[in-house]
Amino acid sequence: LSTDLNDTDRELLREAHRKAAEVSGLIEEFRLDLAADAVYHFVWHRFADEIIEESKPILKGEDQASKDSRAAALYQILLVSLKLLHPFMPYVTESIWQELPRKDTDALMVSLWPEHNL
């Protein structure tokens, strides 16, 4: 976890990593249907519908520390989301990954799976 995140944003990132743990377990059990469903609901409903929408006032606000923290958390959650989606839609996620300015590897397919012991 990034140390420059505030408590709320740190918890959002922990939530993404808990989802990674859930998805990892489902993949290990060969329940790809449930893993894909879990990723879909996290990315579409939790991340896009809730977290990003809740972030808009923060990102438009005056508190620079809060803005920086939320932007960093959103970026980290995006990276986790792309990694979780990659087994199910590799071409799309790899294409998005290639456009990102900061990432741990040049290719998503060789990046480390999200750690879920946070």
PDB file of N, CA and C in Angstrom:
ATOM      1  N   LEU A   1       0.830  -1.186   0.000  1.00  0.00           N
ATOM      2  CA  LEU A   1       0.000   0.000   0.000  1.00  0.00           C
ATOM      3  C   LEU A   1       0.875   1.250   0.000  1.00  0.00           C
ATOM      4  N   SER A   2       0.387   2.218  -0.676  1.00  0.00           N
ATOM      5  CA  SER A   2       1.103   3.483  -0.710  1.00  0.00           C
ATOM      6  C   SER A   2       0.978   4.184   0.636  1.00  0.00           C
ATOM      7  N   THR A   3       2.077   4.701   1.140  1.00  0.00           N
ATOM      8  CA  THR A   3       2.065   5.348   2.450  1.00  0.00           C
ATOM      9  C   THR A   3       1.488   6.756   2.397  1.00  0.00           C
ATOM     10  N   ASP A   4       1.340   7.329   1.206  1.00  0.00           N
ATOM     11  CA  ASP A   4       0.814   8.687   1.113  1.00  0.00           C
ATOM     12  C   ASP A   4      -0.709   8.727   0.986  1.00  0.00           C
ATOM     13  N   LEU A   5      -1.362   7.605   1.164  1.00  0.00           N
ATOM     14  CA  LEU A   5      -2.820   7.562   1.105  1.00  0.00           C
ATOM     15  C   LEU A   5      -3.412   7.875   2.470  1.00  0.00           C
ATOM     16  N   ASN A   6      -4.549   8.566   2.469  1.00  0.00           N
ATOM     17  CA  ASN A   6      -5.245   8.766   3.740  1.00  0.00           C
ATOM     18  C   ASN A   6      -5.969   7.466   4.103  1.00  0.00           C
ATOM     19  N   ASP A   7      -6.537   7.424   5.287  1.00  0.00           N
ATOM     20  CA  ASP A   7      -7.150   6.183   5.782  1.00  0.00           C
ATOM     21  C   ASP A   7      -8.277   5.681   4.887  1.00  0.00           C
ATOM     22  N   THR A   8      -9.117   6.577   4.419  1.00  0.00           N
ATOM     23  CA  THR A   8     -10.238   6.195   3.559  1.00  0.00           C
ATOM     24  C   THR A   8      -9.732   5.575   2.263  1.00  0.00           C
ATOM     25  N   ASP A   9      -8.751   6.197   1.653  1.00  0.00           N
ATOM     26  CA  ASP A   9      -8.225   5.695   0.388  1.00  0.00           C
ATOM     27  C   ASP A   9      -7.436   4.405   0.576  1.00  0.00           C
ATOM     28  N   ARG A  10      -6.752   4.301   1.704  1.00  0.00           N
ATOM     29  CA  ARG A  10      -6.046   3.053   2.014  1.00  0.00           C
ATOM     30  C   ARG A  10      -7.052   1.908   2.136  1.00  0.00           C
ATOM     31  N   GLU A  11      -8.199   2.189   2.735  1.00  0.00           N
ATOM     32  CA  GLU A  11      -9.229   1.152   2.875  1.00  0.00           C
ATOM     33  C   GLU A  11      -9.816   0.775   1.514  1.00  0.00           C
ATOM     34  N   LEU A  12      -9.989   1.739   0.617  1.00  0.00           N
ATOM     35  CA  LEU A  12     -10.466   1.422  -0.732  1.00  0.00           C
ATOM     36  C   LEU A  12      -9.487   0.493  -1.447  1.00  0.00           C
ATOM     37  N   LEU A  13      -8.207   0.749  -1.283  1.00  0.00           N
ATOM     38  CA  LEU A  13      -7.207  -0.109  -1.909  1.00  0.00           C
ATOM     39  C   LEU A  13      -7.196  -1.496  -1.269  1.00  0.00           C
ATOM     40  N   ARG A  14      -7.379  -1.542   0.035  1.00  0.00           N
ATOM     41  CA  ARG A  14      -7.484  -2.852   0.707  1.00  0.00           C
ATOM     42  C   ARG A  14      -8.683  -3.632   0.176  1.00  0.00           C
ATOM     43  N   GLU A  15      -9.775  -2.928  -0.066  1.00  0.00           N
ATOM     44  CA  GLU A  15     -10.965  -3.579  -0.622  1.00  0.00           C
ATOM     45  C   GLU A  15     -10.656  -4.219  -1.977  1.00  0.00           C
ATOM     46  N   ALA A  16      -9.921  -3.501  -2.816  1.00  0.00           N
ATOM     47  CA  ALA A  16      -9.542  -4.055  -4.121  1.00  0.00           C
ATOM     48  C   ALA A  16      -8.673  -5.294  -3.948  1.00  0.00           C
ATOM     49  N   HIS A  17      -7.790  -5.271  -2.975  1.00  0.00           N
ATOM     50  CA  HIS A  17      -6.935  -6.426  -2.737  1.00  0.00           C
ATOM     51  C   HIS A  17      -7.709  -7.592  -2.118  1.00  0.00           C
ATOM     52  N   ARG A  18      -8.726  -7.289  -1.332  1.00  0.00           N
ATOM     53  CA  ARG A  18      -9.590  -8.374  -0.827  1.00  0.00           C
ATOM     54  C   ARG A  18     -10.337  -9.029  -1.990  1.00  0.00           C
ATOM     55  N   LYS A  19     -10.761  -8.210  -2.948  1.00  0.00           N
ATOM     56  CA  LYS A  19     -11.421  -8.760  -4.126  1.00  0.00           C
ATOM     57  C   LYS A  19     -10.446  -9.627  -4.911  1.00  0.00           C
ATOM     58  N   ALA A  20      -9.183  -9.207  -4.974  1.00  0.00           N
ATOM     59  CA  ALA A  20      -8.148 -10.012  -5.649  1.00  0.00           C
ATOM     60  C   ALA A  20      -8.002 -11.368  -4.956  1.00  0.00           C
ATOM     61  N   ALA A  21      -8.071 -11.374  -3.639  1.00  0.00           N
ATOM     62  CA  ALA A  21      -7.986 -12.639  -2.898  1.00  0.00           C
ATOM     63  C   ALA A  21      -9.173 -13.531  -3.237  1.00  0.00           C
ATOM     64  N   GLU A  22     -10.353 -12.943  -3.284  1.00  0.00           N
ATOM     65  CA  GLU A  22     -11.551 -13.716  -3.625  1.00  0.00           C
ATOM     66  C   GLU A  22     -11.441 -14.296  -5.029  1.00  0.00           C
ATOM     67  N   VAL A  23     -11.052 -13.464  -5.982  1.00  0.00           N
ATOM     68  CA  VAL A  23     -10.927 -13.913  -7.365  1.00  0.00           C
ATOM     69  C   VAL A  23      -9.843 -14.983  -7.488  1.00  0.00           C
ATOM     70  N   SER A  24      -8.736 -14.796  -6.787  1.00  0.00           N
ATOM     71  CA  SER A  24      -7.661 -15.789  -6.808  1.00  0.00           C
ATOM     72  C   SER A  24      -8.166 -17.146  -6.331  1.00  0.00           C
ATOM     73  N   GLY A  25      -8.908 -17.127  -5.240  1.00  0.00           N
ATOM     74  CA  GLY A  25      -9.457 -18.376  -4.710  1.00  0.00           C
ATOM     75  C   GLY A  25     -10.394 -19.049  -5.690  1.00  0.00           C
ATOM     76  N   LEU A  26     -11.222 -18.270  -6.332  1.00  0.00           N
ATOM     77  CA  LEU A  26     -12.164 -18.840  -7.300  1.00  0.00           C
ATOM     78  C   LEU A  26     -11.431 -19.414  -8.514  1.00  0.00           C
ATOM     79  N   ILE A  27     -10.403 -18.728  -8.966  1.00  0.00           N
ATOM     80  CA  ILE A  27      -9.620 -19.243 -10.098  1.00  0.00           C
ATOM     81  C   ILE A  27      -8.917 -20.535  -9.696  1.00  0.00           C
ATOM     82  N   GLU A  28      -8.356 -20.573  -8.499  1.00  0.00           N
ATOM     83  CA  GLU A  28      -7.687 -21.785  -8.025  1.00  0.00           C
ATOM     84  C   GLU A  28      -8.648 -22.960  -7.915  1.00  0.00           C
ATOM     85  N   GLU A  29      -9.911 -22.677  -7.667  1.00  0.00           N
ATOM     86  CA  GLU A  29     -10.940 -23.724  -7.593  1.00  0.00           C
ATOM     87  C   GLU A  29     -11.539 -24.026  -8.962  1.00  0.00           C
ATOM     88  N   PHE A  30     -11.011 -23.392 -10.004  1.00  0.00           N
ATOM     89  CA  PHE A  30     -11.496 -23.539 -11.377  1.00  0.00           C
ATOM     90  C   PHE A  30     -12.945 -23.082 -11.534  1.00  0.00           C
ATOM     91  N   ARG A  31     -13.353 -22.134 -10.707  1.00  0.00           N
ATOM     92  CA  ARG A  31     -14.677 -21.533 -10.820  1.00  0.00           C
ATOM     93  C   ARG A  31     -14.531 -20.228 -11.587  1.00  0.00           C
ATOM     94  N   LEU A  32     -14.149 -20.371 -12.849  1.00  0.00           N
ATOM     95  CA  LEU A  32     -13.901 -19.205 -13.686  1.00  0.00           C
ATOM     96  C   LEU A  32     -15.164 -18.384 -13.892  1.00  0.00           C
ATOM     97  N   ASP A  33     -16.315 -19.051 -13.888  1.00  0.00           N
ATOM     98  CA  ASP A  33     -17.573 -18.327 -14.027  1.00  0.00           C
ATOM     99  C   ASP A  33     -17.791 -17.377 -12.861  1.00  0.00           C
ATOM    100  N   LEU A  34     -17.552 -17.867 -11.653  1.00  0.00           N
ATOM    101  CA  LEU A  34     -17.731 -17.030 -10.463  1.00  0.00           C
ATOM    102  C   LEU A  34     -16.637 -15.972 -10.352  1.00  0.00           C
ATOM    103  N   ALA A  35     -15.415 -16.334 -10.770  1.00  0.00           N
ATOM    104  CA  ALA A  35     -14.313 -15.363 -10.749  1.00  0.00           C
ATOM    105  C   ALA A  35     -14.606 -14.206 -11.698  1.00  0.00           C
ATOM    106  N   ALA A  36     -15.046 -14.527 -12.902  1.00  0.00           N
ATOM    107  CA  ALA A  36     -15.367 -13.478 -13.880  1.00  0.00           C
ATOM    108  C   ALA A  36     -16.511 -12.610 -13.366  1.00  0.00           C
ATOM    109  N   ASP A  37     -17.504 -13.220 -12.754  1.00  0.00           N
ATOM    110  CA  ASP A  37     -18.635 -12.477 -12.210  1.00  0.00           C
ATOM    111  C   ASP A  37     -18.188 -11.548 -11.078  1.00  0.00           C
ATOM    112  N   ALA A  38     -17.317 -12.040 -10.208  1.00  0.00           N
ATOM    113  CA  ALA A  38     -16.817 -11.224  -9.098  1.00  0.00           C
ATOM    114  C   ALA A  38     -16.022 -10.022  -9.612  1.00  0.00           C
ATOM    115  N   VAL A  39     -15.180 -10.250 -10.608  1.00  0.00           N
ATOM    116  CA  VAL A  39     -14.398  -9.149 -11.184  1.00  0.00           C
ATOM    117  C   VAL A  39     -15.327  -8.146 -11.846  1.00  0.00           C
ATOM    118  N   TYR A  40     -16.260  -8.649 -12.625  1.00  0.00           N
ATOM    119  CA  TYR A  40     -17.209  -7.763 -13.316  1.00  0.00           C
ATOM    120  C   TYR A  40     -17.936  -6.863 -12.328  1.00  0.00           C
ATOM    121  N   HIS A  41     -18.485  -7.465 -11.277  1.00  0.00           N
ATOM    122  CA  HIS A  41     -19.256  -6.674 -10.315  1.00  0.00           C
ATOM    123  C   HIS A  41     -18.371  -5.684  -9.568  1.00  0.00           C
ATOM    124  N   PHE A  42     -17.143  -6.060  -9.263  1.00  0.00           N
ATOM    125  CA  PHE A  42     -16.256  -5.111  -8.593  1.00  0.00           C
ATOM    126  C   PHE A  42     -15.922  -3.942  -9.511  1.00  0.00           C
ATOM    127  N   VAL A  43     -15.484  -4.245 -10.730  1.00  0.00           N
ATOM    128  CA  VAL A  43     -15.035  -3.183 -11.633  1.00  0.00           C
ATOM    129  C   VAL A  43     -16.202  -2.307 -12.072  1.00  0.00           C
ATOM    130  N   TRP A  44     -17.280  -2.915 -12.470  1.00  0.00           N
ATOM    131  CA  TRP A  44     -18.383  -2.136 -13.034  1.00  0.00           C
ATOM    132  C   TRP A  44     -19.205  -1.449 -11.956  1.00  0.00           C
ATOM    133  N   HIS A  45     -19.620  -2.199 -10.946  1.00  0.00           N
ATOM    134  CA  HIS A  45     -20.547  -1.646  -9.960  1.00  0.00           C
ATOM    135  C   HIS A  45     -19.841  -0.931  -8.805  1.00  0.00           C
ATOM    136  N   ARG A  46     -18.811  -1.530  -8.266  1.00  0.00           N
ATOM    137  CA  ARG A  46     -18.150  -0.887  -7.119  1.00  0.00           C
ATOM    138  C   ARG A  46     -17.193   0.212  -7.577  1.00  0.00           C
ATOM    139  N   PHE A  47     -16.260  -0.123  -8.477  1.00  0.00           N
ATOM    140  CA  PHE A  47     -15.248   0.860  -8.876  1.00  0.00           C
ATOM    141  C   PHE A  47     -15.853   1.970  -9.728  1.00  0.00           C
ATOM    142  N   ALA A  48     -16.514   1.612 -10.815  1.00  0.00           N
ATOM    143  CA  ALA A  48     -17.030   2.630 -11.736  1.00  0.00           C
ATOM    144  C   ALA A  48     -18.255   3.361 -11.163  1.00  0.00           C
ATOM    145  N   ASP A  49     -19.230   2.603 -10.698  1.00  0.00           N
ATOM    146  CA  ASP A  49     -20.480   3.223 -10.231  1.00  0.00           C
ATOM    147  C   ASP A  49     -20.334   3.971  -8.911  1.00  0.00           C
ATOM    148  N   GLU A  50     -19.562   3.427  -7.997  1.00  0.00           N
ATOM    149  CA  GLU A  50     -19.516   4.013  -6.654  1.00  0.00           C
ATOM    150  C   GLU A  50     -18.231   4.779  -6.386  1.00  0.00           C
ATOM    151  N   ILE A  51     -17.097   4.112  -6.474  1.00  0.00           N
ATOM    152  CA  ILE A  51     -15.840   4.745  -6.066  1.00  0.00           C
ATOM    153  C   ILE A  51     -15.508   5.947  -6.942  1.00  0.00           C
ATOM    154  N   ILE A  52     -15.582   5.787  -8.247  1.00  0.00           N
ATOM    155  CA  ILE A  52     -15.258   6.915  -9.128  1.00  0.00           C
ATOM    156  C   ILE A  52     -16.258   8.051  -8.938  1.00  0.00           C
ATOM    157  N   GLU A  53     -17.544   7.715  -8.829  1.00  0.00           N
ATOM    158  CA  GLU A  53     -18.546   8.767  -8.627  1.00  0.00           C
ATOM    159  C   GLU A  53     -18.338   9.496  -7.305  1.00  0.00           C
ATOM    160  N   GLU A  54     -18.013   8.752  -6.239  1.00  0.00           N
ATOM    161  CA  GLU A  54     -17.750   9.379  -4.946  1.00  0.00           C
ATOM    162  C   GLU A  54     -16.482  10.224  -4.978  1.00  0.00           C
ATOM    163  N   SER A  55     -15.591   9.922  -5.918  1.00  0.00           N
ATOM    164  CA  SER A  55     -14.306  10.623  -6.000  1.00  0.00           C
ATOM    165  C   SER A  55     -14.410  11.970  -6.694  1.00  0.00           C
ATOM    166  N   LYS A  56     -15.413  12.169  -7.487  1.00  0.00           N
ATOM    167  CA  LYS A  56     -15.512  13.409  -8.264  1.00  0.00           C
ATOM    168  C   LYS A  56     -15.483  14.664  -7.396  1.00  0.00           C
ATOM    169  N   PRO A  57     -16.276  14.751  -6.324  1.00  0.00           N
ATOM    170  CA  PRO A  57     -16.200  15.966  -5.494  1.00  0.00           C
ATOM    171  C   PRO A  57     -14.829  16.131  -4.824  1.00  0.00           C
ATOM    172  N   ILE A  58     -14.213  15.026  -4.453  1.00  0.00           N
ATOM    173  CA  ILE A  58     -12.889  15.098  -3.827  1.00  0.00           C
ATOM    174  C   ILE A  58     -11.874  15.647  -4.824  1.00  0.00           C
ATOM    175  N   LEU A  59     -11.911  15.119  -6.051  1.00  0.00           N
ATOM    176  CA  LEU A  59     -10.953  15.543  -7.073  1.00  0.00           C
ATOM    177  C   LEU A  59     -11.200  16.986  -7.531  1.00  0.00           C
ATOM    178  N   LYS A  60     -12.413  17.466  -7.369  1.00  0.00           N
ATOM    179  CA  LYS A  60     -12.732  18.857  -7.721  1.00  0.00           C
ATOM    180  C   LYS A  60     -12.570  19.803  -6.535  1.00  0.00           C
ATOM    181  N   GLY A  61     -12.291  19.254  -5.366  1.00  0.00           N
ATOM    182  CA  GLY A  61     -12.215  20.052  -4.145  1.00  0.00           C
ATOM    183  C   GLY A  61     -10.932  20.850  -4.029  1.00  0.00           C
ATOM    184  N   GLU A  62     -10.813  21.528  -2.899  1.00  0.00           N
ATOM    185  CA  GLU A  62      -9.685  22.424  -2.641  1.00  0.00           C
ATOM    186  C   GLU A  62      -8.546  21.752  -1.872  1.00  0.00           C
ATOM    187  N   ASP A  63      -8.826  20.650  -1.205  1.00  0.00           N
ATOM    188  CA  ASP A  63      -7.824  19.987  -0.365  1.00  0.00           C
ATOM    189  C   ASP A  63      -6.868  19.165  -1.238  1.00  0.00           C
ATOM    190  N   GLN A  64      -5.668  19.704  -1.456  1.00  0.00           N
ATOM    191  CA  GLN A  64      -4.718  19.062  -2.362  1.00  0.00           C
ATOM    192  C   GLN A  64      -4.266  17.693  -1.859  1.00  0.00           C
ATOM    193  N   ALA A  65      -4.089  17.559  -0.549  1.00  0.00           N
ATOM    194  CA  ALA A  65      -3.671  16.271   0.004  1.00  0.00           C
ATOM    195  C   ALA A  65      -4.738  15.202  -0.258  1.00  0.00           C
ATOM    196  N   SER A  66      -6.007  15.560  -0.081  1.00  0.00           N
ATOM    197  CA  SER A  66      -7.101  14.618  -0.344  1.00  0.00           C
ATOM    198  C   SER A  66      -7.180  14.277  -1.824  1.00  0.00           C
ATOM    199  N   LYS A  67      -6.990  15.263  -2.667  1.00  0.00           N
ATOM    200  CA  LYS A  67      -7.015  15.036  -4.116  1.00  0.00           C
ATOM    201  C   LYS A  67      -5.887  14.095  -4.531  1.00  0.00           C
ATOM    202  N   ASP A  68      -4.685  14.340  -4.015  1.00  0.00           N
ATOM    203  CA  ASP A  68      -3.540  13.496  -4.363  1.00  0.00           C
ATOM    204  C   ASP A  68      -3.729  12.070  -3.865  1.00  0.00           C
ATOM    205  N   SER A  69      -4.247  11.945  -2.650  1.00  0.00           N
ATOM    206  CA  SER A  69      -4.486  10.623  -2.082  1.00  0.00           C
ATOM    207  C   SER A  69      -5.509   9.845  -2.901  1.00  0.00           C
ATOM    208  N   ARG A  70      -6.617  10.500  -3.234  1.00  0.00           N
ATOM    209  CA  ARG A  70      -7.664   9.810  -3.986  1.00  0.00           C
ATOM    210  C   ARG A  70      -7.186   9.452  -5.387  1.00  0.00           C
ATOM    211  N   ALA A  71      -6.466  10.361  -6.040  1.00  0.00           N
ATOM    212  CA  ALA A  71      -5.945  10.068  -7.384  1.00  0.00           C
ATOM    213  C   ALA A  71      -4.998   8.874  -7.346  1.00  0.00           C
ATOM    214  N   ALA A  72      -4.151   8.807  -6.345  1.00  0.00           N
ATOM    215  CA  ALA A  72      -3.227   7.680  -6.216  1.00  0.00           C
ATOM    216  C   ALA A  72      -3.988   6.383  -5.964  1.00  0.00           C
ATOM    217  N   ALA A  73      -5.001   6.443  -5.115  1.00  0.00           N
ATOM    218  CA  ALA A  73      -5.804   5.247  -4.831  1.00  0.00           C
ATOM    219  C   ALA A  73      -6.547   4.782  -6.078  1.00  0.00           C
ATOM    220  N   LEU A  74      -7.145   5.711  -6.811  1.00  0.00           N
ATOM    221  CA  LEU A  74      -7.857   5.339  -8.039  1.00  0.00           C
ATOM    222  C   LEU A  74      -6.922   4.675  -9.041  1.00  0.00           C
ATOM    223  N   TYR A  75      -5.729   5.213  -9.172  1.00  0.00           N
ATOM    224  CA  TYR A  75      -4.769   4.636 -10.118  1.00  0.00           C
ATOM    225  C   TYR A  75      -4.375   3.221  -9.689  1.00  0.00           C
ATOM    226  N   GLN A  76      -4.122   3.031  -8.392  1.00  0.00           N
ATOM    227  CA  GLN A  76      -3.755   1.699  -7.906  1.00  0.00           C
ATOM    228  C   GLN A  76      -4.918   0.710  -8.069  1.00  0.00           C
ATOM    229  N   ILE A  77      -6.130   1.158  -7.825  1.00  0.00           N
ATOM    230  CA  ILE A  77      -7.293   0.280  -8.010  1.00  0.00           C
ATOM    231  C   ILE A  77      -7.458  -0.056  -9.485  1.00  0.00           C
ATOM    232  N   LEU A  78      -7.195   0.896 -10.361  1.00  0.00           N
ATOM    233  CA  LEU A  78      -7.228   0.619 -11.801  1.00  0.00           C
ATOM    234  C   LEU A  78      -6.224  -0.464 -12.164  1.00  0.00           C
ATOM    235  N   LEU A  79      -5.008  -0.376 -11.632  1.00  0.00           N
ATOM    236  CA  LEU A  79      -3.994  -1.397 -11.930  1.00  0.00           C
ATOM    237  C   LEU A  79      -4.447  -2.776 -11.449  1.00  0.00           C
ATOM    238  N   VAL A  80      -4.977  -2.836 -10.238  1.00  0.00           N
ATOM    239  CA  VAL A  80      -5.481  -4.109  -9.707  1.00  0.00           C
ATOM    240  C   VAL A  80      -6.613  -4.627 -10.585  1.00  0.00           C
ATOM    241  N   SER A  81      -7.519  -3.743 -10.971  1.00  0.00           N
ATOM    242  CA  SER A  81      -8.659  -4.143 -11.796  1.00  0.00           C
ATOM    243  C   SER A  81      -8.208  -4.705 -13.138  1.00  0.00           C
ATOM    244  N   LEU A  82      -7.249  -4.056 -13.754  1.00  0.00           N
ATOM    245  CA  LEU A  82      -6.754  -4.561 -15.043  1.00  0.00           C
ATOM    246  C   LEU A  82      -6.125  -5.939 -14.885  1.00  0.00           C
ATOM    247  N   LYS A  83      -5.390  -6.134 -13.811  1.00  0.00           N
ATOM    248  CA  LYS A  83      -4.774  -7.441 -13.578  1.00  0.00           C
ATOM    249  C   LYS A  83      -5.837  -8.515 -13.352  1.00  0.00           C
ATOM    250  N   LEU A  84      -6.889  -8.170 -12.616  1.00  0.00           N
ATOM    251  CA  LEU A  84      -7.953  -9.145 -12.367  1.00  0.00           C
ATOM    252  C   LEU A  84      -8.752  -9.454 -13.626  1.00  0.00           C
ATOM    253  N   LEU A  85      -8.921  -8.460 -14.477  1.00  0.00           N
ATOM    254  CA  LEU A  85      -9.666  -8.656 -15.722  1.00  0.00           C
ATOM    255  C   LEU A  85      -8.853  -9.384 -16.791  1.00  0.00           C
ATOM    256  N   HIS A  86      -7.546  -9.315 -16.685  1.00  0.00           N
ATOM    257  CA  HIS A  86      -6.680  -9.815 -17.755  1.00  0.00           C
ATOM    258  C   HIS A  86      -6.939 -11.275 -18.156  1.00  0.00           C
ATOM    259  N   PRO A  87      -7.145 -12.206 -17.233  1.00  0.00           N
ATOM    260  CA  PRO A  87      -7.404 -13.591 -17.666  1.00  0.00           C
ATOM    261  C   PRO A  87      -8.676 -13.745 -18.501  1.00  0.00           C
ATOM    262  N   PHE A  88      -9.595 -12.806 -18.371  1.00  0.00           N
ATOM    263  CA  PHE A  88     -10.883 -12.913 -19.035  1.00  0.00           C
ATOM    264  C   PHE A  88     -10.980 -12.083 -20.312  1.00  0.00           C
ATOM    265  N   MET A  89     -10.181 -11.048 -20.407  1.00  0.00           N
ATOM    266  CA  MET A  89     -10.196 -10.186 -21.597  1.00  0.00           C
ATOM    267  C   MET A  89      -8.781  -9.651 -21.853  1.00  0.00           C
ATOM    268  N   PRO A  90      -7.873 -10.545 -22.229  1.00  0.00           N
ATOM    269  CA  PRO A  90      -6.454 -10.171 -22.290  1.00  0.00           C
ATOM    270  C   PRO A  90      -6.110  -9.106 -23.314  1.00  0.00           C
ATOM    271  N   TYR A  91      -6.736  -9.110 -24.454  1.00  0.00           N
ATOM    272  CA  TYR A  91      -6.362  -8.143 -25.488  1.00  0.00           C
ATOM    273  C   TYR A  91      -6.766  -6.722 -25.104  1.00  0.00           C
ATOM    274  N   VAL A  92      -7.933  -6.593 -24.534  1.00  0.00           N
ATOM    275  CA  VAL A  92      -8.414  -5.271 -24.121  1.00  0.00           C
ATOM    276  C   VAL A  92      -7.567  -4.736 -22.967  1.00  0.00           C
ATOM    277  N   THR A  93      -7.348  -5.567 -21.962  1.00  0.00           N
ATOM    278  CA  THR A  93      -6.598  -5.097 -20.793  1.00  0.00           C
ATOM    279  C   THR A  93      -5.140  -4.798 -21.150  1.00  0.00           C
ATOM    280  N   GLU A  94      -4.546  -5.609 -22.014  1.00  0.00           N
ATOM    281  CA  GLU A  94      -3.167  -5.348 -22.432  1.00  0.00           C
ATOM    282  C   GLU A  94      -3.078  -4.037 -23.198  1.00  0.00           C
ATOM    283  N   SER A  95      -4.061  -3.771 -24.023  1.00  0.00           N
ATOM    284  CA  SER A  95      -4.086  -2.526 -24.787  1.00  0.00           C
ATOM    285  C   SER A  95      -4.180  -1.311 -23.860  1.00  0.00           C
ATOM    286  N   ILE A  96      -5.032  -1.395 -22.856  1.00  0.00           N
ATOM    287  CA  ILE A  96      -5.156  -0.308 -21.882  1.00  0.00           C
ATOM    288  C   ILE A  96      -3.847  -0.162 -21.107  1.00  0.00           C
ATOM    289  N   TRP A  97      -3.287  -1.281 -20.679  1.00  0.00           N
ATOM    290  CA  TRP A  97      -2.036  -1.287 -19.907  1.00  0.00           C
ATOM    291  C   TRP A  97      -0.922  -0.547 -20.652  1.00  0.00           C
ATOM    292  N   GLN A  98      -0.865  -0.757 -21.951  1.00  0.00           N
ATOM    293  CA  GLN A  98       0.196  -0.133 -22.752  1.00  0.00           C
ATOM    294  C   GLN A  98       0.112   1.388 -22.748  1.00  0.00           C
ATOM    295  N   GLU A  99      -1.063   1.930 -22.486  1.00  0.00           N
ATOM    296  CA  GLU A  99      -1.253   3.384 -22.483  1.00  0.00           C
ATOM    297  C   GLU A  99      -0.997   4.026 -21.121  1.00  0.00           C
ATOM    298  N   LEU A 100      -0.838   3.238 -20.082  1.00  0.00           N
ATOM    299  CA  LEU A 100      -0.663   3.785 -18.738  1.00  0.00           C
ATOM    300  C   LEU A 100       0.740   4.365 -18.561  1.00  0.00           C
ATOM    301  N   PRO A 101       0.841   5.494 -17.865  1.00  0.00           N
ATOM    302  CA  PRO A 101       2.153   6.124 -17.698  1.00  0.00           C
ATOM    303  C   PRO A 101       3.048   5.441 -16.667  1.00  0.00           C
ATOM    304  N   ARG A 102       2.468   4.874 -15.601  1.00  0.00           N
ATOM    305  CA  ARG A 102       3.254   4.252 -14.532  1.00  0.00           C
ATOM    306  C   ARG A 102       2.715   2.855 -14.276  1.00  0.00           C
ATOM    307  N   LYS A 103       3.595   1.889 -14.435  1.00  0.00           N
ATOM    308  CA  LYS A 103       3.207   0.495 -14.206  1.00  0.00           C
ATOM    309  C   LYS A 103       4.443  -0.296 -13.830  1.00  0.00           C
ATOM    310  N   ASP A 104       4.232  -1.486 -13.268  1.00  0.00           N
ATOM    311  CA  ASP A 104       5.369  -2.255 -12.781  1.00  0.00           C
ATOM    312  C   ASP A 104       6.082  -3.064 -13.867  1.00  0.00           C
ATOM    313  N   THR A 105       5.451  -3.287 -14.989  1.00  0.00           N
ATOM    314  CA  THR A 105       6.075  -4.016 -16.103  1.00  0.00           C
ATOM    315  C   THR A 105       5.609  -3.406 -17.420  1.00  0.00           C
ATOM    316  N   ASP A 106       6.369  -3.676 -18.460  1.00  0.00           N
ATOM    317  CA  ASP A 106       5.978  -3.166 -19.779  1.00  0.00           C
ATOM    318  C   ASP A 106       4.762  -3.905 -20.330  1.00  0.00           C
ATOM    319  N   ALA A 107       4.629  -5.177 -19.990  1.00  0.00           N
ATOM    320  CA  ALA A 107       3.502  -5.979 -20.481  1.00  0.00           C
ATOM    321  C   ALA A 107       2.676  -6.470 -19.299  1.00  0.00           C
ATOM    322  N   LEU A 108       1.386  -6.325 -19.394  1.00  0.00           N
ATOM    323  CA  LEU A 108       0.496  -6.772 -18.319  1.00  0.00           C
ATOM    324  C   LEU A 108       0.603  -8.272 -18.108  1.00  0.00           C
ATOM    325  N   MET A 109       0.770  -9.014 -19.192  1.00  0.00           N
ATOM    326  CA  MET A 109       0.772 -10.473 -19.063  1.00  0.00           C
ATOM    327  C   MET A 109       1.918 -11.013 -18.205  1.00  0.00           C
ATOM    328  N   VAL A 110       2.945 -10.215 -17.941  1.00  0.00           N
ATOM    329  CA  VAL A 110       4.046 -10.678 -17.093  1.00  0.00           C
ATOM    330  C   VAL A 110       4.100  -9.923 -15.762  1.00  0.00           C
ATOM    331  N   SER A 111       3.126  -9.069 -15.504  1.00  0.00           N
ATOM    332  CA  SER A 111       3.115  -8.354 -14.222  1.00  0.00           C
ATOM    333  C   SER A 111       2.673  -9.301 -13.111  1.00  0.00           C
ATOM    334  N   LEU A 112       3.026  -8.957 -11.897  1.00  0.00           N
ATOM    335  CA  LEU A 112       2.662  -9.789 -10.765  1.00  0.00           C
ATOM    336  C   LEU A 112       1.174  -9.682 -10.475  1.00  0.00           C
ATOM    337  N   TRP A 113       0.586 -10.795 -10.115  1.00  0.00           N
ATOM    338  CA  TRP A 113      -0.814 -10.825  -9.685  1.00  0.00           C
ATOM    339  C   TRP A 113      -0.933  -9.999  -8.417  1.00  0.00           C
ATOM    340  N   PRO A 114      -2.049  -9.301  -8.224  1.00  0.00           N
ATOM    341  CA  PRO A 114      -2.177  -8.458  -7.019  1.00  0.00           C
ATOM    342  C   PRO A 114      -2.019  -9.264  -5.747  1.00  0.00           C
ATOM    343  N   GLU A 115      -1.202  -8.747  -4.855  1.00  0.00           N
ATOM    344  CA  GLU A 115      -1.055  -9.390  -3.546  1.00  0.00           C
ATOM    345  C   GLU A 115      -2.316  -9.115  -2.739  1.00  0.00           C
ATOM    346  N   HIS A 116      -2.707 -10.092  -1.978  1.00  0.00           N
ATOM    347  CA  HIS A 116      -3.946  -9.906  -1.228  1.00  0.00           C
ATOM    348  C   HIS A 116      -3.744 -10.138   0.264  1.00  0.00           C
ATOM    349  N   ASN A 117      -2.562  -9.830   0.729  1.00  0.00           N
ATOM    350  CA  ASN A 117      -2.296  -9.951   2.157  1.00  0.00           C
ATOM    351  C   ASN A 117      -2.123  -8.579   2.798  1.00  0.00           C
ATOM    352  N   LEU A 118      -2.832  -7.587   2.286  1.00  0.00           N
ATOM    353  CA  LEU A 118      -2.692  -6.220   2.783  1.00  0.00           C
ATOM    354  C   LEU A 118      -3.687  -5.932   3.887  1.00  0.00           C
TER     355      LEU A 118
END
